Protein backbone atom coordinates (compact mmCIF):
# COMPACT_ATOMS: atom_id res chain seq x y z
CA UNK A 1 21.40 -1.62 -13.62
CA UNK A 2 19.96 -2.34 -17.06
CA UNK A 3 16.92 -0.36 -18.19
CA UNK A 4 14.23 -2.38 -19.94
CA UNK A 5 10.59 -2.04 -20.93
CA UNK A 6 7.69 -2.17 -18.50
CA UNK A 7 6.39 -5.31 -20.27
CA UNK A 8 9.70 -7.15 -19.96
CA UNK A 9 10.16 -6.57 -16.25
CA UNK A 10 6.46 -7.21 -15.54
CA UNK A 11 6.80 -10.49 -17.43
CA UNK A 12 9.80 -11.37 -15.27
CA UNK A 13 7.66 -10.82 -12.16
CA UNK A 14 4.91 -13.06 -13.56
CA UNK A 15 7.53 -15.78 -14.05
CA UNK A 16 8.33 -15.65 -10.33
CA UNK A 17 11.23 -13.22 -10.11
CA UNK A 18 11.04 -10.60 -7.31
CA UNK A 19 10.21 -7.15 -8.67
CA UNK A 20 9.59 -4.01 -6.62
CA UNK A 21 7.42 -0.97 -7.31
CA UNK A 22 9.34 2.25 -6.72
CA UNK A 23 7.77 5.70 -6.51
CA UNK A 24 4.15 4.90 -5.63
CA UNK A 25 4.54 4.69 -1.85
CA UNK A 26 7.14 6.21 0.44
CA UNK A 27 9.10 2.95 0.36
CA UNK A 28 9.46 0.38 -2.43
CA UNK A 29 7.20 -2.65 -2.16
CA UNK A 30 7.12 -5.99 -3.94
CA UNK A 31 4.80 -6.26 -6.91
CA UNK A 32 1.86 -8.34 -5.56
CA UNK A 33 2.01 -11.00 -8.25
CA UNK A 34 0.59 -13.69 -5.96
CA UNK A 35 -2.63 -11.67 -5.69
CA UNK A 36 -3.04 -11.77 -9.47
CA UNK A 37 -2.05 -15.37 -10.17
CA UNK A 38 -4.15 -17.03 -7.44
CA UNK A 39 -7.74 -18.20 -7.88
CA UNK A 40 -10.48 -15.65 -7.31
CA UNK A 41 -11.43 -15.37 -3.63
CA UNK A 42 -14.81 -14.34 -2.12
CA UNK A 43 -13.87 -10.65 -2.26
CA UNK A 44 -13.05 -11.02 -5.96
CA UNK A 45 -16.41 -12.66 -6.55
CA UNK A 46 -18.15 -9.80 -4.75
CA UNK A 47 -16.27 -7.39 -6.99
CA UNK A 48 -17.20 -9.08 -10.26
CA UNK A 49 -20.80 -9.32 -9.07
CA UNK A 50 -20.94 -5.57 -9.77
CA UNK A 51 -20.42 -6.34 -13.47
CA UNK A 52 -23.55 -6.76 -15.59
CA UNK A 53 -23.72 -8.36 -19.01
CA UNK A 54 -20.87 -8.30 -21.52
CA UNK A 55 -17.72 -7.19 -19.71
CA UNK A 56 -14.35 -5.81 -20.78
CA UNK A 57 -11.65 -6.47 -18.14
CA UNK A 58 -9.08 -3.71 -18.71
CA UNK A 59 -5.56 -4.55 -17.54
CA UNK A 60 -6.57 -8.16 -16.92
CA UNK A 61 -3.07 -9.43 -16.09
CA UNK A 62 -2.95 -13.23 -15.87
CA UNK A 63 -6.74 -13.44 -16.01
CA UNK A 64 -7.93 -14.02 -12.45
CA UNK A 65 -11.01 -11.80 -12.72
CA UNK A 66 -11.63 -12.53 -16.40
CA UNK A 67 -11.91 -16.21 -15.56
CA UNK A 68 -14.10 -15.46 -12.53
CA UNK A 69 -16.48 -13.55 -14.80
CA UNK A 70 -16.57 -16.40 -17.31
CA UNK A 71 -17.49 -18.88 -14.60
CA UNK A 72 -20.50 -16.62 -13.92
CA UNK A 73 -21.54 -17.01 -17.57
CA UNK A 74 -20.53 -13.51 -18.62
CA UNK A 75 -19.40 -12.85 -22.15
CA UNK A 76 -16.05 -11.31 -21.23
CA UNK A 77 -12.80 -10.23 -22.82
CA UNK A 78 -9.64 -9.43 -20.88
CA UNK A 79 -7.09 -7.06 -22.40
CA UNK A 80 -3.53 -6.35 -21.31
CA UNK A 81 -0.37 -4.89 -22.85
CA UNK A 82 1.97 -7.57 -21.46
CA UNK A 83 2.31 -10.67 -23.69
CA UNK A 84 3.36 -12.90 -20.76
CA UNK A 85 0.18 -11.93 -18.87
CA UNK A 86 -1.94 -12.81 -21.90
CA UNK A 87 -0.15 -16.14 -22.34
CA UNK A 88 -0.68 -17.08 -18.68
CA UNK A 89 -4.33 -16.01 -18.81
CA UNK A 90 -4.94 -18.18 -21.88
CA UNK A 91 -3.28 -21.14 -20.17
CA UNK A 92 -5.80 -20.68 -17.34
CA UNK A 93 -8.64 -20.80 -19.86
CA UNK A 94 -9.53 -17.09 -19.87
CA UNK A 95 -10.66 -15.28 -23.01
CA UNK A 96 -8.11 -12.52 -23.47
CA UNK A 97 -6.41 -10.40 -26.09
CA UNK A 98 -3.19 -8.42 -26.24
CA UNK A 99 -4.24 -4.78 -26.43
CA UNK A 100 -3.99 -1.26 -25.10
CA UNK A 101 -7.04 0.53 -23.73
CA UNK A 102 -6.03 3.61 -25.74
CA UNK A 103 -5.84 1.63 -28.98
CA UNK A 104 -8.54 -0.08 -31.06
CA UNK A 105 -10.47 -2.77 -29.16
CA UNK A 106 -13.27 -5.14 -30.15
CA UNK A 107 -16.86 -4.12 -29.44
CA UNK A 108 -16.21 -0.43 -28.91
CA UNK A 109 -19.37 1.31 -27.76
CA UNK A 110 -21.15 -1.98 -27.04
CA UNK A 111 -19.74 -3.31 -23.76
CA UNK A 112 -22.28 -3.37 -20.94
CA UNK A 113 -19.54 -3.20 -18.28
CA UNK A 114 -15.91 -2.10 -18.29
CA UNK A 115 -13.90 -3.26 -15.27
CA UNK A 116 -10.94 -1.33 -13.84
CA UNK A 117 -9.80 -3.47 -10.90
CA UNK A 118 -6.54 -3.82 -8.94
CA UNK A 119 -5.71 -0.10 -9.20
CA UNK A 120 -6.01 0.02 -13.01
CA UNK A 121 -7.81 3.36 -12.84
CA UNK A 122 -4.23 4.64 -12.50
CA UNK A 123 -3.22 3.53 -16.02
CA UNK A 124 -1.55 6.37 -17.88
CA UNK A 125 -1.43 8.72 -14.90
CA UNK A 126 -4.50 10.74 -15.96
CA UNK A 127 -7.76 9.24 -14.67
CA UNK A 128 -9.93 11.74 -16.58
CA UNK A 129 -8.33 10.80 -19.90
CA UNK A 130 -8.63 7.10 -19.06
CA UNK A 131 -12.27 7.31 -17.94
CA UNK A 132 -13.14 9.39 -21.02
CA UNK A 133 -11.66 6.63 -23.19
CA UNK A 134 -13.48 3.89 -21.27
CA UNK A 135 -16.75 5.82 -21.63
CA UNK A 136 -16.28 5.40 -25.39
CA UNK A 137 -16.01 1.64 -24.95
CA UNK A 138 -19.28 1.08 -23.07
CA UNK A 139 -22.80 1.03 -24.45
CA UNK A 140 -25.08 4.01 -23.77
CA UNK A 141 -26.66 2.04 -20.91
CA UNK A 142 -23.33 0.58 -19.79
CA UNK A 143 -21.37 0.98 -16.58
CA UNK A 144 -17.76 1.24 -15.46
CA UNK A 145 -16.81 -0.65 -12.29
CA UNK A 146 -13.75 0.98 -10.71
CA UNK A 147 -11.78 -0.24 -7.72
CA UNK A 148 -10.42 2.75 -5.78
CA UNK A 149 -8.60 3.44 -2.54
CA UNK A 150 -10.44 4.02 0.74
CA UNK A 151 -11.97 7.38 1.69
CA UNK A 152 -9.52 9.84 3.20
CA UNK A 153 -6.71 9.06 0.77
CA UNK A 154 -6.18 11.96 -1.67
CA UNK A 155 -5.44 11.37 -5.31
CA UNK A 156 -1.81 11.49 -6.40
CA UNK A 157 -0.13 11.36 -9.78
CA UNK A 158 3.47 10.23 -10.00
CA UNK A 159 6.25 8.63 -11.96
CA UNK A 160 7.02 5.03 -10.99
CA UNK A 161 9.39 2.26 -12.00
CA UNK A 162 9.53 -1.50 -11.60
CA UNK A 163 12.90 -2.75 -10.35
CA UNK A 164 14.59 -6.11 -9.87
CA UNK A 165 18.10 -6.91 -8.71
CA UNK A 166 19.64 -6.23 -12.12
CA UNK A 167 17.14 -4.20 -14.16
CA UNK A 168 14.66 -1.36 -13.98
CA UNK A 169 11.75 -0.37 -16.17
CA UNK A 170 11.56 2.94 -17.95
CA UNK A 171 9.58 5.38 -15.76
CA UNK A 172 5.84 5.28 -16.32
CA UNK A 173 3.08 7.67 -15.27
CA UNK A 174 0.62 6.32 -12.69
CA UNK A 175 -2.25 7.67 -10.60
CA UNK A 176 -3.67 6.56 -7.27
CA UNK A 177 -7.37 7.41 -6.88
CA UNK A 178 -9.42 7.26 -3.69
CA UNK A 179 -13.16 7.21 -3.14
CA UNK A 180 -13.18 10.91 -2.21
CA UNK A 181 -12.11 11.96 -5.72
CA UNK A 182 -13.83 9.50 -8.04
CA UNK A 183 -17.12 11.42 -8.41
CA UNK A 184 -15.34 14.60 -9.51
CA UNK A 185 -13.05 12.73 -11.90
CA UNK A 186 -16.07 10.92 -13.34
CA UNK A 187 -17.89 14.21 -13.92
CA UNK A 188 -14.89 15.59 -15.82
CA UNK A 189 -15.03 12.49 -18.03
CA UNK A 190 -18.74 12.83 -18.79
CA UNK A 191 -19.79 10.22 -16.25
CA UNK A 192 -21.77 10.17 -13.00
CA UNK A 193 -21.28 8.15 -9.84
CA UNK A 194 -24.03 5.53 -9.69
CA UNK A 195 -23.05 3.59 -6.56
CA UNK A 196 -20.13 3.26 -4.18
CA UNK A 197 -19.59 0.58 -1.60
CA UNK A 198 -17.03 -1.35 0.37
CA UNK A 199 -16.47 -4.89 -0.88
CA UNK A 200 -14.45 -6.76 1.76
CA UNK A 201 -11.25 -4.72 2.07
CA UNK A 202 -11.88 -3.03 -1.28
CA UNK A 203 -13.76 0.11 -2.26
CA UNK A 204 -15.70 0.01 -5.51
CA UNK A 205 -17.39 2.80 -7.47
CA UNK A 206 -19.83 2.21 -10.31
CA UNK A 207 -20.07 4.90 -12.97
CA UNK A 208 -22.42 5.50 -15.89
CA UNK A 209 -22.71 8.01 -18.70
CA UNK A 210 -24.12 11.41 -17.85
CA UNK A 211 -27.80 11.76 -18.92
């Protein structure tokens, strides 16, 4: 099996090739590309309703939520590290940019909302480091909207890979964060839990800077 980059195999999945996630759950499961390439559903709209003002959609993928925010008249920018995701998002009409949350981004310190949806609080495998970085991106009065797992599911940090029939990604660090742990992680990152609620089948926490 050929080893390739995360971006290359993720791009293959976005083009319709079956790709599995290995190492996150007990058994491999297919990357849920259909959930990211479809139109926003009512649960998505409930999720983006938690976003106020100018919004940075971190790990936007092919732009489903970025576009949903734009249709609600938000000034929004989606960022993602995968060129294929950015290309597909632009074809859908979303305002996006190739970029890494840990690298330079437009409007640092001025975004009114930063969105971490679809499990993206797991990026990098260290939620405290990620949330600390995202705190730097929002305005002093800003908020971070984070989709998490349901209560009762403990946090885990792991190494994962993406695999197809003939190739595998290099291992990458990932975290899975549930509602029970988000307040403590936020505190370690200089944030406080503002609200938490269930949105359809999702659980969403809203964070703000510590006073």
